[in-house]
Amino acid sequence: MMLALAVGLVAAVGATSRYVVDQFIQHQHDSVFPWGTFVINVVGSFVLGVVTGSVSHHGLSTTAAAILGAGFCAGFTTFSTWMWETLALAESGAILEATLNIFGSLAIGLAAAFAGFALAGGI
C-alpha cells in the first residue's frame, strides 16, 4: 500500500513537471510541431533507460525503480498526447510533421533509452 501511494505521489510530480516543461518548450517555438511532447517523451525515455540500467548493473532497488519508472516517468511522459497531437497534425494537413512526429519520436526515443541504459553501465 505504501509503494502504491509513493508511486502515485511521484506520478503527480511527473505530470506536473510535464505540464510545466511542455508549456515552456511550446512557447519557445512558433511551429505546429509538438516540440514539448517530443522533448518530454525523449527525456522520459532517457531517464527510464538510466533507471533500468541502474537496476541491472548498480543494484538500484526494484522499489526505487517502480517509484521512478511507474511513478515519475509514467506521469511525465505521454503516449496519448503524442497520438492525439499526431492525429491533429494529420487532420490539419501537416502530413510531413505528423510523419516526422511518429518516426522521429520512435527513433530518438529508442536512442535516448539506449543512451540512458548505456550511461548506467548497461552496454
PDB file of N, CA and C in Angstrom:
ATOM      1  N   MET A   1       0.820  -1.200   0.000  1.00  0.00           N
ATOM      2  CA  MET A   1       0.000   0.000   0.000  1.00  0.00           C
ATOM      3  C   MET A   1       0.866   1.267   0.000  1.00  0.00           C
ATOM      4  N   MET A   2       1.945   1.236   0.755  1.00  0.00           N
ATOM      5  CA  MET A   2       2.829   2.402   0.808  1.00  0.00           C
ATOM      6  C   MET A   2       3.518   2.628  -0.530  1.00  0.00           C
ATOM      7  N   LEU A   3       3.882   1.528  -1.213  1.00  0.00           N
ATOM      8  CA  LEU A   3       4.514   1.670  -2.521  1.00  0.00           C
ATOM      9  C   LEU A   3       3.543   2.307  -3.517  1.00  0.00           C
ATOM     10  N   ALA A   4       2.305   1.875  -3.509  1.00  0.00           N
ATOM     11  CA  ALA A   4       1.302   2.452  -4.413  1.00  0.00           C
ATOM     12  C   ALA A   4       1.120   3.939  -4.134  1.00  0.00           C
ATOM     13  N   LEU A   5       1.125   4.326  -2.877  1.00  0.00           N
ATOM     14  CA  LEU A   5       0.998   5.733  -2.520  1.00  0.00           C
ATOM     15  C   LEU A   5       2.212   6.523  -3.012  1.00  0.00           C
ATOM     16  N   ALA A   6       3.399   5.962  -2.824  1.00  0.00           N
ATOM     17  CA  ALA A   6       4.620   6.628  -3.282  1.00  0.00           C
ATOM     18  C   ALA A   6       4.615   6.785  -4.802  1.00  0.00           C
ATOM     19  N   VAL A   7       4.221   5.726  -5.514  1.00  0.00           N
ATOM     20  CA  VAL A   7       4.149   5.797  -6.972  1.00  0.00           C
ATOM     21  C   VAL A   7       3.174   6.895  -7.393  1.00  0.00           C
ATOM     22  N   GLY A   8       2.022   6.953  -6.744  1.00  0.00           N
ATOM     23  CA  GLY A   8       1.016   7.959  -7.076  1.00  0.00           C
ATOM     24  C   GLY A   8       1.493   9.378  -6.817  1.00  0.00           C
ATOM     25  N   LEU A   9       2.154   9.581  -5.698  1.00  0.00           N
ATOM     26  CA  LEU A   9       2.657  10.920  -5.379  1.00  0.00           C
ATOM     27  C   LEU A   9       3.741  11.367  -6.362  1.00  0.00           C
ATOM     28  N   VAL A  10       4.634  10.449  -6.692  1.00  0.00           N
ATOM     29  CA  VAL A  10       5.711  10.788  -7.622  1.00  0.00           C
ATOM     30  C   VAL A  10       5.154  10.955  -9.042  1.00  0.00           C
ATOM     31  N   ALA A  11       4.124  10.194  -9.379  1.00  0.00           N
ATOM     32  CA  ALA A  11       3.471  10.369 -10.680  1.00  0.00           C
ATOM     33  C   ALA A  11       2.866  11.765 -10.786  1.00  0.00           C
ATOM     34  N   ALA A  12       2.332  12.271  -9.684  1.00  0.00           N
ATOM     35  CA  ALA A  12       1.785  13.628  -9.691  1.00  0.00           C
ATOM     36  C   ALA A  12       2.887  14.649  -9.952  1.00  0.00           C
ATOM     37  N   VAL A  13       4.057  14.422  -9.403  1.00  0.00           N
ATOM     38  CA  VAL A  13       5.202  15.303  -9.664  1.00  0.00           C
ATOM     39  C   VAL A  13       5.585  15.226 -11.141  1.00  0.00           C
ATOM     40  N   GLY A  14       5.579  14.008 -11.688  1.00  0.00           N
ATOM     41  CA  GLY A  14       5.897  13.831 -13.097  1.00  0.00           C
ATOM     42  C   GLY A  14       4.898  14.535 -13.998  1.00  0.00           C
ATOM     43  N   ALA A  15       3.611  14.387 -13.702  1.00  0.00           N
ATOM     44  CA  ALA A  15       2.577  15.020 -14.527  1.00  0.00           C
ATOM     45  C   ALA A  15       2.652  16.538 -14.449  1.00  0.00           C
ATOM     46  N   THR A  16       2.902  17.047 -13.269  1.00  0.00           N
ATOM     47  CA  THR A  16       3.044  18.499 -13.114  1.00  0.00           C
ATOM     48  C   THR A  16       4.273  18.995 -13.864  1.00  0.00           C
ATOM     49  N   SER A  17       5.351  18.240 -13.768  1.00  0.00           N
ATOM     50  CA  SER A  17       6.577  18.592 -14.497  1.00  0.00           C
ATOM     51  C   SER A  17       6.331  18.584 -15.995  1.00  0.00           C
ATOM     52  N   ARG A  18       5.580  17.582 -16.460  1.00  0.00           N
ATOM     53  CA  ARG A  18       5.264  17.504 -17.894  1.00  0.00           C
ATOM     54  C   ARG A  18       4.542  18.768 -18.345  1.00  0.00           C
ATOM     55  N   TYR A  19       3.558  19.192 -17.587  1.00  0.00           N
ATOM     56  CA  TYR A  19       2.791  20.383 -17.956  1.00  0.00           C
ATOM     57  C   TYR A  19       3.697  21.617 -18.024  1.00  0.00           C
ATOM     58  N   VAL A  20       4.520  21.801 -17.019  1.00  0.00           N
ATOM     59  CA  VAL A  20       5.388  22.981 -16.958  1.00  0.00           C
ATOM     60  C   VAL A  20       6.406  22.961 -18.096  1.00  0.00           C
ATOM     61  N   VAL A  21       7.047  21.814 -18.312  1.00  0.00           N
ATOM     62  CA  VAL A  21       8.048  21.695 -19.368  1.00  0.00           C
ATOM     63  C   VAL A  21       7.400  21.896 -20.741  1.00  0.00           C
ATOM     64  N   ASP A  22       6.240  21.284 -20.955  1.00  0.00           N
ATOM     65  CA  ASP A  22       5.543  21.423 -22.230  1.00  0.00           C
ATOM     66  C   ASP A  22       5.210  22.886 -22.512  1.00  0.00           C
ATOM     67  N   GLN A  23       4.679  23.574 -21.535  1.00  0.00           N
ATOM     68  CA  GLN A  23       4.330  24.983 -21.727  1.00  0.00           C
ATOM     69  C   GLN A  23       5.566  25.815 -22.037  1.00  0.00           C
ATOM     70  N   PHE A  24       6.638  25.569 -21.325  1.00  0.00           N
ATOM     71  CA  PHE A  24       7.875  26.321 -21.545  1.00  0.00           C
ATOM     72  C   PHE A  24       8.407  26.084 -22.956  1.00  0.00           C
ATOM     73  N   ILE A  25       8.506  24.823 -23.359  1.00  0.00           N
ATOM     74  CA  ILE A  25       9.075  24.499 -24.669  1.00  0.00           C
ATOM     75  C   ILE A  25       8.177  24.996 -25.798  1.00  0.00           C
ATOM     76  N   GLN A  26       6.888  24.782 -25.694  1.00  0.00           N
ATOM     77  CA  GLN A  26       5.980  25.210 -26.761  1.00  0.00           C
ATOM     78  C   GLN A  26       6.009  26.724 -26.963  1.00  0.00           C
ATOM     79  N   HIS A  27       6.217  27.472 -25.881  1.00  0.00           N
ATOM     80  CA  HIS A  27       6.277  28.929 -26.016  1.00  0.00           C
ATOM     81  C   HIS A  27       7.601  29.412 -26.611  1.00  0.00           C
ATOM     82  N   GLN A  28       8.558  28.510 -26.763  1.00  0.00           N
ATOM     83  CA  GLN A  28       9.839  28.856 -27.379  1.00  0.00           C
ATOM     84  C   GLN A  28       9.803  28.660 -28.890  1.00  0.00           C
ATOM     85  N   HIS A  29       8.759  27.977 -29.387  1.00  0.00           N
ATOM     86  CA  HIS A  29       8.691  27.627 -30.809  1.00  0.00           C
ATOM     87  C   HIS A  29       7.399  28.147 -31.426  1.00  0.00           C
ATOM     88  N   ASP A  30       7.538  28.697 -32.606  1.00  0.00           N
ATOM     89  CA  ASP A  30       6.368  29.124 -33.375  1.00  0.00           C
ATOM     90  C   ASP A  30       6.199  28.110 -34.502  1.00  0.00           C
ATOM     91  N   SER A  31       5.690  26.941 -34.140  1.00  0.00           N
ATOM     92  CA  SER A  31       5.619  25.834 -35.076  1.00  0.00           C
ATOM     93  C   SER A  31       4.417  24.967 -34.737  1.00  0.00           C
ATOM     94  N   VAL A  32       3.888  24.267 -35.734  1.00  0.00           N
ATOM     95  CA  VAL A  32       2.793  23.339 -35.461  1.00  0.00           C
ATOM     96  C   VAL A  32       3.309  22.041 -34.854  1.00  0.00           C
ATOM     97  N   PHE A  33       4.617  21.798 -34.981  1.00  0.00           N
ATOM     98  CA  PHE A  33       5.187  20.558 -34.445  1.00  0.00           C
ATOM     99  C   PHE A  33       5.132  20.586 -32.916  1.00  0.00           C
ATOM    100  N   PRO A  34       4.707  19.502 -32.290  1.00  0.00           N
ATOM    101  CA  PRO A  34       4.574  19.457 -30.824  1.00  0.00           C
ATOM    102  C   PRO A  34       5.907  19.213 -30.115  1.00  0.00           C
ATOM    103  N   TRP A  35       6.748  20.227 -30.135  1.00  0.00           N
ATOM    104  CA  TRP A  35       8.086  20.087 -29.556  1.00  0.00           C
ATOM    105  C   TRP A  35       8.058  19.729 -28.075  1.00  0.00           C
ATOM    106  N   GLY A  36       7.104  20.262 -27.342  1.00  0.00           N
ATOM    107  CA  GLY A  36       7.044  19.969 -25.909  1.00  0.00           C
ATOM    108  C   GLY A  36       6.876  18.483 -25.638  1.00  0.00           C
ATOM    109  N   THR A  37       5.897  17.868 -26.264  1.00  0.00           N
ATOM    110  CA  THR A  37       5.657  16.436 -26.075  1.00  0.00           C
ATOM    111  C   THR A  37       6.840  15.624 -26.576  1.00  0.00           C
ATOM    112  N   PHE A  38       7.409  16.030 -27.701  1.00  0.00           N
ATOM    113  CA  PHE A  38       8.561  15.328 -28.261  1.00  0.00           C
ATOM    114  C   PHE A  38       9.723  15.309 -27.258  1.00  0.00           C
ATOM    115  N   VAL A  39      10.084  16.465 -26.740  1.00  0.00           N
ATOM    116  CA  VAL A  39      11.199  16.571 -25.796  1.00  0.00           C
ATOM    117  C   VAL A  39      10.891  15.792 -24.513  1.00  0.00           C
ATOM    118  N   ILE A  40       9.682  15.928 -24.016  1.00  0.00           N
ATOM    119  CA  ILE A  40       9.284  15.227 -22.791  1.00  0.00           C
ATOM    120  C   ILE A  40       9.423  13.718 -22.960  1.00  0.00           C
ATOM    121  N   ASN A  41       8.929  13.180 -24.062  1.00  0.00           N
ATOM    122  CA  ASN A  41       8.990  11.737 -24.263  1.00  0.00           C
ATOM    123  C   ASN A  41      10.420  11.240 -24.464  1.00  0.00           C
ATOM    124  N   VAL A  42      11.259  12.036 -25.121  1.00  0.00           N
ATOM    125  CA  VAL A  42      12.664  11.653 -25.285  1.00  0.00           C
ATOM    126  C   VAL A  42      13.383  11.681 -23.936  1.00  0.00           C
ATOM    127  N   VAL A  43      13.180  12.727 -23.165  1.00  0.00           N
ATOM    128  CA  VAL A  43      13.808  12.818 -21.837  1.00  0.00           C
ATOM    129  C   VAL A  43      13.317  11.680 -20.940  1.00  0.00           C
ATOM    130  N   GLY A  44      12.020  11.411 -20.961  1.00  0.00           N
ATOM    131  CA  GLY A  44      11.481  10.311 -20.157  1.00  0.00           C
ATOM    132  C   GLY A  44      12.056   8.971 -20.560  1.00  0.00           C
ATOM    133  N   SER A  45      12.264   8.752 -21.857  1.00  0.00           N
ATOM    134  CA  SER A  45      12.872   7.514 -22.340  1.00  0.00           C
ATOM    135  C   SER A  45      14.306   7.384 -21.834  1.00  0.00           C
ATOM    136  N   PHE A  46      15.028   8.496 -21.859  1.00  0.00           N
ATOM    137  CA  PHE A  46      16.404   8.501 -21.345  1.00  0.00           C
ATOM    138  C   PHE A  46      16.427   8.167 -19.854  1.00  0.00           C
ATOM    139  N   VAL A  47      15.571   8.828 -19.083  1.00  0.00           N
ATOM    140  CA  VAL A  47      15.528   8.598 -17.635  1.00  0.00           C
ATOM    141  C   VAL A  47      15.174   7.144 -17.336  1.00  0.00           C
ATOM    142  N   LEU A  48      14.199   6.598 -18.041  1.00  0.00           N
ATOM    143  CA  LEU A  48      13.824   5.207 -17.804  1.00  0.00           C
ATOM    144  C   LEU A  48      14.948   4.260 -18.202  1.00  0.00           C
ATOM    145  N   GLY A  49      15.718   4.614 -19.229  1.00  0.00           N
ATOM    146  CA  GLY A  49      16.902   3.834 -19.570  1.00  0.00           C
ATOM    147  C   GLY A  49      17.930   3.845 -18.447  1.00  0.00           C
ATOM    148  N   VAL A  50      18.139   5.010 -17.854  1.00  0.00           N
ATOM    149  CA  VAL A  50      19.067   5.113 -16.713  1.00  0.00           C
ATOM    150  C   VAL A  50      18.559   4.279 -15.540  1.00  0.00           C
ATOM    151  N   VAL A  51      17.279   4.358 -15.251  1.00  0.00           N
ATOM    152  CA  VAL A  51      16.697   3.588 -14.148  1.00  0.00           C
ATOM    153  C   VAL A  51      16.871   2.099 -14.399  1.00  0.00           C
ATOM    154  N   THR A  52      16.547   1.651 -15.593  1.00  0.00           N
ATOM    155  CA  THR A  52      16.663   0.237 -15.923  1.00  0.00           C
ATOM    156  C   THR A  52      18.114  -0.233 -15.838  1.00  0.00           C
ATOM    157  N   GLY A  53      19.021   0.553 -16.374  1.00  0.00           N
ATOM    158  CA  GLY A  53      20.431   0.212 -16.279  1.00  0.00           C
ATOM    159  C   GLY A  53      20.925   0.210 -14.844  1.00  0.00           C
ATOM    160  N   SER A  54      20.402   1.110 -14.025  1.00  0.00           N
ATOM    161  CA  SER A  54      20.802   1.177 -12.616  1.00  0.00           C
ATOM    162  C   SER A  54      20.308  -0.034 -11.834  1.00  0.00           C
ATOM    163  N   VAL A  55      19.144  -0.534 -12.178  1.00  0.00           N
ATOM    164  CA  VAL A  55      18.646  -1.760 -11.549  1.00  0.00           C
ATOM    165  C   VAL A  55      19.519  -2.934 -11.967  1.00  0.00           C
ATOM    166  N   SER A  56      19.793  -3.020 -13.261  1.00  0.00           N
ATOM    167  CA  SER A  56      20.528  -4.161 -13.810  1.00  0.00           C
ATOM    168  C   SER A  56      21.996  -4.196 -13.388  1.00  0.00           C
ATOM    169  N   HIS A  57      22.613  -3.036 -13.241  1.00  0.00           N
ATOM    170  CA  HIS A  57      24.061  -3.014 -13.066  1.00  0.00           C
ATOM    171  C   HIS A  57      24.573  -2.329 -11.809  1.00  0.00           C
ATOM    172  N   HIS A  58      23.699  -1.676 -11.065  1.00  0.00           N
ATOM    173  CA  HIS A  58      24.169  -0.958  -9.880  1.00  0.00           C
ATOM    174  C   HIS A  58      23.349  -1.241  -8.639  1.00  0.00           C
ATOM    175  N   GLY A  59      22.440  -2.177  -8.727  1.00  0.00           N
ATOM    176  CA  GLY A  59      21.695  -2.584  -7.547  1.00  0.00           C
ATOM    177  C   GLY A  59      20.600  -1.632  -7.097  1.00  0.00           C
ATOM    178  N   LEU A  60      20.147  -0.743  -7.988  1.00  0.00           N
ATOM    179  CA  LEU A  60      19.012   0.095  -7.612  1.00  0.00           C
ATOM    180  C   LEU A  60      17.854  -0.834  -7.281  1.00  0.00           C
ATOM    181  N   SER A  61      17.206  -0.578  -6.187  1.00  0.00           N
ATOM    182  CA  SER A  61      16.134  -1.466  -5.737  1.00  0.00           C
ATOM    183  C   SER A  61      14.945  -1.427  -6.685  1.00  0.00           C
ATOM    184  N   THR A  62      14.226  -2.530  -6.715  1.00  0.00           N
ATOM    185  CA  THR A  62      13.022  -2.571  -7.547  1.00  0.00           C
ATOM    186  C   THR A  62      11.967  -1.604  -7.012  1.00  0.00           C
ATOM    187  N   THR A  63      12.007  -1.322  -5.730  1.00  0.00           N
ATOM    188  CA  THR A  63      11.077  -0.339  -5.156  1.00  0.00           C
ATOM    189  C   THR A  63      11.368   1.046  -5.726  1.00  0.00           C
ATOM    190  N   ALA A  64      12.640   1.431  -5.708  1.00  0.00           N
ATOM    191  CA  ALA A  64      13.023   2.734  -6.270  1.00  0.00           C
ATOM    192  C   ALA A  64      12.718   2.778  -7.762  1.00  0.00           C
ATOM    193  N   ALA A  65      12.955   1.668  -8.459  1.00  0.00           N
ATOM    194  CA  ALA A  65      12.672   1.617  -9.897  1.00  0.00           C
ATOM    195  C   ALA A  65      11.182   1.771 -10.160  1.00  0.00           C
ATOM    196  N   ALA A  66      10.358   1.168  -9.332  1.00  0.00           N
ATOM    197  CA  ALA A  66       8.903   1.303  -9.500  1.00  0.00           C
ATOM    198  C   ALA A  66       8.468   2.745  -9.261  1.00  0.00           C
ATOM    199  N   ILE A  67       9.023   3.364  -8.245  1.00  0.00           N
ATOM    200  CA  ILE A  67       8.660   4.751  -7.940  1.00  0.00           C
ATOM    201  C   ILE A  67       9.096   5.681  -9.072  1.00  0.00           C
ATOM    202  N   LEU A  68      10.322   5.488  -9.564  1.00  0.00           N
ATOM    203  CA  LEU A  68      10.825   6.347 -10.643  1.00  0.00           C
ATOM    204  C   LEU A  68      10.199   6.008 -11.994  1.00  0.00           C
ATOM    205  N   GLY A  69      10.051   4.716 -12.278  1.00  0.00           N
ATOM    206  CA  GLY A  69       9.531   4.293 -13.581  1.00  0.00           C
ATOM    207  C   GLY A  69       8.023   4.409 -13.678  1.00  0.00           C
ATOM    208  N   ALA A  70       7.319   3.668 -12.830  1.00  0.00           N
ATOM    209  CA  ALA A  70       5.849   3.677 -12.857  1.00  0.00           C
ATOM    210  C   ALA A  70       5.291   4.965 -12.264  1.00  0.00           C
ATOM    211  N   GLY A  71       6.098   5.649 -11.482  1.00  0.00           N
ATOM    212  CA  GLY A  71       5.673   6.919 -10.905  1.00  0.00           C
ATOM    213  C   GLY A  71       6.074   8.088 -11.784  1.00  0.00           C
ATOM    214  N   PHE A  72       7.306   8.553 -11.620  1.00  0.00           N
ATOM    215  CA  PHE A  72       7.718   9.775 -12.306  1.00  0.00           C
ATOM    216  C   PHE A  72       7.655   9.663 -13.823  1.00  0.00           C
ATOM    217  N   CYS A  73       8.323   8.658 -14.389  1.00  0.00           N
ATOM    218  CA  CYS A  73       8.380   8.560 -15.857  1.00  0.00           C
ATOM    219  C   CYS A  73       6.996   8.371 -16.469  1.00  0.00           C
ATOM    220  N   ALA A  74       6.166   7.564 -15.840  1.00  0.00           N
ATOM    221  CA  ALA A  74       4.811   7.356 -16.371  1.00  0.00           C
ATOM    222  C   ALA A  74       3.977   8.624 -16.265  1.00  0.00           C
ATOM    223  N   GLY A  75       4.175   9.386 -15.202  1.00  0.00           N
ATOM    224  CA  GLY A  75       3.459  10.650 -15.071  1.00  0.00           C
ATOM    225  C   GLY A  75       4.009  11.726 -15.994  1.00  0.00           C
ATOM    226  N   PHE A  76       5.309  11.660 -16.261  1.00  0.00           N
ATOM    227  CA  PHE A  76       5.976  12.683 -17.065  1.00  0.00           C
ATOM    228  C   PHE A  76       5.746  12.487 -18.560  1.00  0.00           C
ATOM    229  N   THR A  77       5.911  11.269 -19.031  1.00  0.00           N
ATOM    230  CA  THR A  77       5.769  11.008 -20.466  1.00  0.00           C
ATOM    231  C   THR A  77       4.304  10.800 -20.823  1.00  0.00           C
ATOM    232  N   THR A  78       4.027  10.844 -22.127  1.00  0.00           N
ATOM    233  CA  THR A  78       2.628  10.729 -22.530  1.00  0.00           C
ATOM    234  C   THR A  78       2.481  10.125 -23.914  1.00  0.00           C
ATOM    235  N   PHE A  79       1.955   8.930 -23.951  1.00  0.00           N
ATOM    236  CA  PHE A  79       1.660   8.258 -25.217  1.00  0.00           C
ATOM    237  C   PHE A  79       0.389   8.835 -25.832  1.00  0.00           C
ATOM    238  N   SER A  80      -0.612   9.056 -25.013  1.00  0.00           N
ATOM    239  CA  SER A  80      -1.901   9.516 -25.532  1.00  0.00           C
ATOM    240  C   SER A  80      -1.804  10.905 -26.156  1.00  0.00           C
ATOM    241  N   THR A  81      -1.076  11.816 -25.541  1.00  0.00           N
ATOM    242  CA  THR A  81      -0.918  13.155 -26.112  1.00  0.00           C
ATOM    243  C   THR A  81      -0.129  13.078 -27.419  1.00  0.00           C
ATOM    244  N   TRP A  82       0.887  12.234 -27.454  1.00  0.00           N
ATOM    245  CA  TRP A  82       1.674  12.044 -28.671  1.00  0.00           C
ATOM    246  C   TRP A  82       0.766  11.575 -29.811  1.00  0.00           C
ATOM    247  N   MET A  83      -0.108  10.615 -29.540  1.00  0.00           N
ATOM    248  CA  MET A  83      -1.013  10.113 -30.566  1.00  0.00           C
ATOM    249  C   MET A  83      -2.029  11.190 -30.984  1.00  0.00           C
ATOM    250  N   TRP A  84      -2.596  11.868 -30.000  1.00  0.00           N
ATOM    251  CA  TRP A  84      -3.586  12.909 -30.302  1.00  0.00           C
ATOM    252  C   TRP A  84      -2.962  14.022 -31.130  1.00  0.00           C
ATOM    253  N   GLU A  85      -1.762  14.476 -30.737  1.00  0.00           N
ATOM    254  CA  GLU A  85      -1.099  15.549 -31.482  1.00  0.00           C
ATOM    255  C   GLU A  85      -0.754  15.099 -32.901  1.00  0.00           C
ATOM    256  N   THR A  86      -0.377  13.842 -33.065  1.00  0.00           N
ATOM    257  CA  THR A  86      -0.079  13.323 -34.395  1.00  0.00           C
ATOM    258  C   THR A  86      -1.333  13.316 -35.262  1.00  0.00           C
ATOM    259  N   LEU A  87      -2.437  12.859 -34.699  1.00  0.00           N
ATOM    260  CA  LEU A  87      -3.698  12.873 -35.447  1.00  0.00           C
ATOM    261  C   LEU A  87      -4.131  14.301 -35.781  1.00  0.00           C
ATOM    262  N   ALA A  88      -3.962  15.216 -34.850  1.00  0.00           N
ATOM    263  CA  ALA A  88      -4.326  16.614 -35.092  1.00  0.00           C
ATOM    264  C   ALA A  88      -3.474  17.201 -36.218  1.00  0.00           C
ATOM    265  N   LEU A  89      -2.187  16.868 -36.243  1.00  0.00           N
ATOM    266  CA  LEU A  89      -1.325  17.336 -37.332  1.00  0.00           C
ATOM    267  C   LEU A  89      -1.827  16.799 -38.674  1.00  0.00           C
ATOM    268  N   ALA A  90      -2.115  15.506 -38.714  1.00  0.00           N
ATOM    269  CA  ALA A  90      -2.589  14.893 -39.958  1.00  0.00           C
ATOM    270  C   ALA A  90      -3.913  15.500 -40.412  1.00  0.00           C
ATOM    271  N   GLU A  91      -4.836  15.678 -39.478  1.00  0.00           N
ATOM    272  CA  GLU A  91      -6.136  16.262 -39.826  1.00  0.00           C
ATOM    273  C   GLU A  91      -6.021  17.686 -40.349  1.00  0.00           C
ATOM    274  N   SER A  92      -5.029  18.424 -39.863  1.00  0.00           N
ATOM    275  CA  SER A  92      -4.860  19.812 -40.306  1.00  0.00           C
ATOM    276  C   SER A  92      -4.076  19.911 -41.606  1.00  0.00           C
ATOM    277  N   GLY A  93      -3.663  18.765 -42.142  1.00  0.00           N
ATOM    278  CA  GLY A  93      -2.919  18.760 -43.400  1.00  0.00           C
ATOM    279  C   GLY A  93      -1.420  18.787 -43.242  1.00  0.00           C
ATOM    280  N   ALA A  94      -0.924  18.777 -42.000  1.00  0.00           N
ATOM    281  CA  ALA A  94       0.516  18.795 -41.752  1.00  0.00           C
ATOM    282  C   ALA A  94       1.036  17.350 -41.739  1.00  0.00           C
ATOM    283  N   ILE A  95       0.951  16.717 -42.902  1.00  0.00           N
ATOM    284  CA  ILE A  95       1.301  15.300 -43.024  1.00  0.00           C
ATOM    285  C   ILE A  95       2.788  15.067 -42.762  1.00  0.00           C
ATOM    286  N   LEU A  96       3.640  15.926 -43.272  1.00  0.00           N
ATOM    287  CA  LEU A  96       5.076  15.775 -43.035  1.00  0.00           C
ATOM    288  C   LEU A  96       5.379  15.837 -41.539  1.00  0.00           C
ATOM    289  N   GLU A  97       4.811  16.817 -40.858  1.00  0.00           N
ATOM    290  CA  GLU A  97       5.037  16.959 -39.414  1.00  0.00           C
ATOM    291  C   GLU A  97       4.493  15.750 -38.652  1.00  0.00           C
ATOM    292  N   ALA A  98       3.330  15.243 -39.054  1.00  0.00           N
ATOM    293  CA  ALA A  98       2.756  14.063 -38.399  1.00  0.00           C
ATOM    294  C   ALA A  98       3.672  12.862 -38.579  1.00  0.00           C
ATOM    295  N   THR A  99       4.169  12.696 -39.794  1.00  0.00           N
ATOM    296  CA  THR A  99       5.071  11.573 -40.078  1.00  0.00           C
ATOM    297  C   THR A  99       6.372  11.710 -39.298  1.00  0.00           C
ATOM    298  N   LEU A 100       6.914  12.915 -39.282  1.00  0.00           N
ATOM    299  CA  LEU A 100       8.139  13.146 -38.504  1.00  0.00           C
ATOM    300  C   LEU A 100       7.908  12.914 -37.016  1.00  0.00           C
ATOM    301  N   ASN A 101       6.739  13.285 -36.527  1.00  0.00           N
ATOM    302  CA  ASN A 101       6.432  13.076 -35.121  1.00  0.00           C
ATOM    303  C   ASN A 101       6.396  11.587 -34.798  1.00  0.00           C
ATOM    304  N   ILE A 102       5.809  10.795 -35.662  1.00  0.00           N
ATOM    305  CA  ILE A 102       5.746   9.350 -35.417  1.00  0.00           C
ATOM    306  C   ILE A 102       7.136   8.735 -35.435  1.00  0.00           C
ATOM    307  N   PHE A 103       7.814   8.867 -36.562  1.00  0.00           N
ATOM    308  CA  PHE A 103       9.088   8.169 -36.731  1.00  0.00           C
ATOM    309  C   PHE A 103      10.229   8.819 -35.946  1.00  0.00           C
ATOM    310  N   GLY A 104      10.207  10.136 -35.844  1.00  0.00           N
ATOM    311  CA  GLY A 104      11.230  10.813 -35.055  1.00  0.00           C
ATOM    312  C   GLY A 104      11.119  10.486 -33.579  1.00  0.00           C
ATOM    313  N   SER A 105       9.897  10.481 -33.062  1.00  0.00           N
ATOM    314  CA  SER A 105       9.701  10.153 -31.644  1.00  0.00           C
ATOM    315  C   SER A 105      10.135   8.725 -31.345  1.00  0.00           C
ATOM    316  N   LEU A 106       9.779   7.804 -32.232  1.00  0.00           N
ATOM    317  CA  LEU A 106      10.177   6.408 -32.020  1.00  0.00           C
ATOM    318  C   LEU A 106      11.691   6.238 -32.082  1.00  0.00           C
ATOM    319  N   ALA A 107      12.301   6.764 -33.125  1.00  0.00           N
ATOM    320  CA  ALA A 107      13.739   6.576 -33.306  1.00  0.00           C
ATOM    321  C   ALA A 107      14.553   7.283 -32.228  1.00  0.00           C
ATOM    322  N   ILE A 108      14.234   8.534 -31.971  1.00  0.00           N
ATOM    323  CA  ILE A 108      15.021   9.296 -31.000  1.00  0.00           C
ATOM    324  C   ILE A 108      14.702   8.839 -29.578  1.00  0.00           C
ATOM    325  N   GLY A 109      13.440   8.470 -29.323  1.00  0.00           N
ATOM    326  CA  GLY A 109      13.088   7.928 -28.006  1.00  0.00           C
ATOM    327  C   GLY A 109      13.824   6.634 -27.717  1.00  0.00           C
ATOM    328  N   LEU A 110      13.900   5.746 -28.701  1.00  0.00           N
ATOM    329  CA  LEU A 110      14.632   4.495 -28.520  1.00  0.00           C
ATOM    330  C   LEU A 110      16.118   4.764 -28.334  1.00  0.00           C
ATOM    331  N   ALA A 111      16.667   5.691 -29.106  1.00  0.00           N
ATOM    332  CA  ALA A 111      18.079   6.055 -28.951  1.00  0.00           C
ATOM    333  C   ALA A 111      18.343   6.647 -27.564  1.00  0.00           C
ATOM    334  N   ALA A 112      17.414   7.448 -27.059  1.00  0.00           N
ATOM    335  CA  ALA A 112      17.568   8.041 -25.735  1.00  0.00           C
ATOM    336  C   ALA A 112      17.522   6.967 -24.651  1.00  0.00           C
ATOM    337  N   ALA A 113      16.608   6.006 -24.779  1.00  0.00           N
ATOM    338  CA  ALA A 113      16.538   4.905 -23.808  1.00  0.00           C
ATOM    339  C   ALA A 113      17.832   4.097 -23.835  1.00  0.00           C
ATOM    340  N   PHE A 114      18.339   3.819 -25.020  1.00  0.00           N
ATOM    341  CA  PHE A 114      19.596   3.101 -25.180  1.00  0.00           C
ATOM    342  C   PHE A 114      20.742   3.885 -24.531  1.00  0.00           C
ATOM    343  N   ALA A 115      20.789   5.191 -24.772  1.00  0.00           N
ATOM    344  CA  ALA A 115      21.849   6.033 -24.204  1.00  0.00           C
ATOM    345  C   ALA A 115      21.772   6.058 -22.682  1.00  0.00           C
ATOM    346  N   GLY A 116      20.564   6.151 -22.133  1.00  0.00           N
ATOM    347  CA  GLY A 116      20.401   6.137 -20.687  1.00  0.00           C
ATOM    348  C   GLY A 116      20.857   4.816 -20.084  1.00  0.00           C
ATOM    349  N   PHE A 117      20.473   3.718 -20.732  1.00  0.00           N
ATOM    350  CA  PHE A 117      20.867   2.391 -20.268  1.00  0.00           C
ATOM    351  C   PHE A 117      22.396   2.247 -20.330  1.00  0.00           C
ATOM    352  N   ALA A 118      22.987   2.721 -21.441  1.00  0.00           N
ATOM    353  CA  ALA A 118      24.437   2.650 -21.606  1.00  0.00           C
ATOM    354  C   ALA A 118      25.141   3.514 -20.564  1.00  0.00           C
ATOM    355  N   LEU A 119      24.616   4.702 -20.304  1.00  0.00           N
ATOM    356  CA  LEU A 119      25.215   5.590 -19.309  1.00  0.00           C
ATOM    357  C   LEU A 119      25.245   4.932 -17.925  1.00  0.00           C
ATOM    358  N   ALA A 120      24.210   4.153 -17.645  1.00  0.00           N
ATOM    359  CA  ALA A 120      24.145   3.463 -16.351  1.00  0.00           C
ATOM    360  C   ALA A 120      24.989   2.205 -16.339  1.00  0.00           C
ATOM    361  N   GLY A 121      25.756   1.970 -17.390  1.00  0.00           N
ATOM    362  CA  GLY A 121      26.651   0.840 -17.415  1.00  0.00           C
ATOM    363  C   GLY A 121      26.073  -0.414 -18.039  1.00  0.00           C
ATOM    364  N   GLY A 122      24.943  -0.246 -18.732  1.00  0.00           N
ATOM    365  CA  GLY A 122      24.265  -1.412 -19.265  1.00  0.00           C
ATOM    366  C   GLY A 122      24.796  -1.913 -20.596  1.00  0.00           C
ATOM    367  N   ILE A 123      25.603  -1.154 -21.264  1.00  0.00           N
ATOM    368  CA  ILE A 123      26.079  -1.588 -22.591  1.00  0.00           C
ATOM    369  C   ILE A 123      27.586  -1.619 -22.582  1.00  0.00           C
TER     370      ILE A 123
END
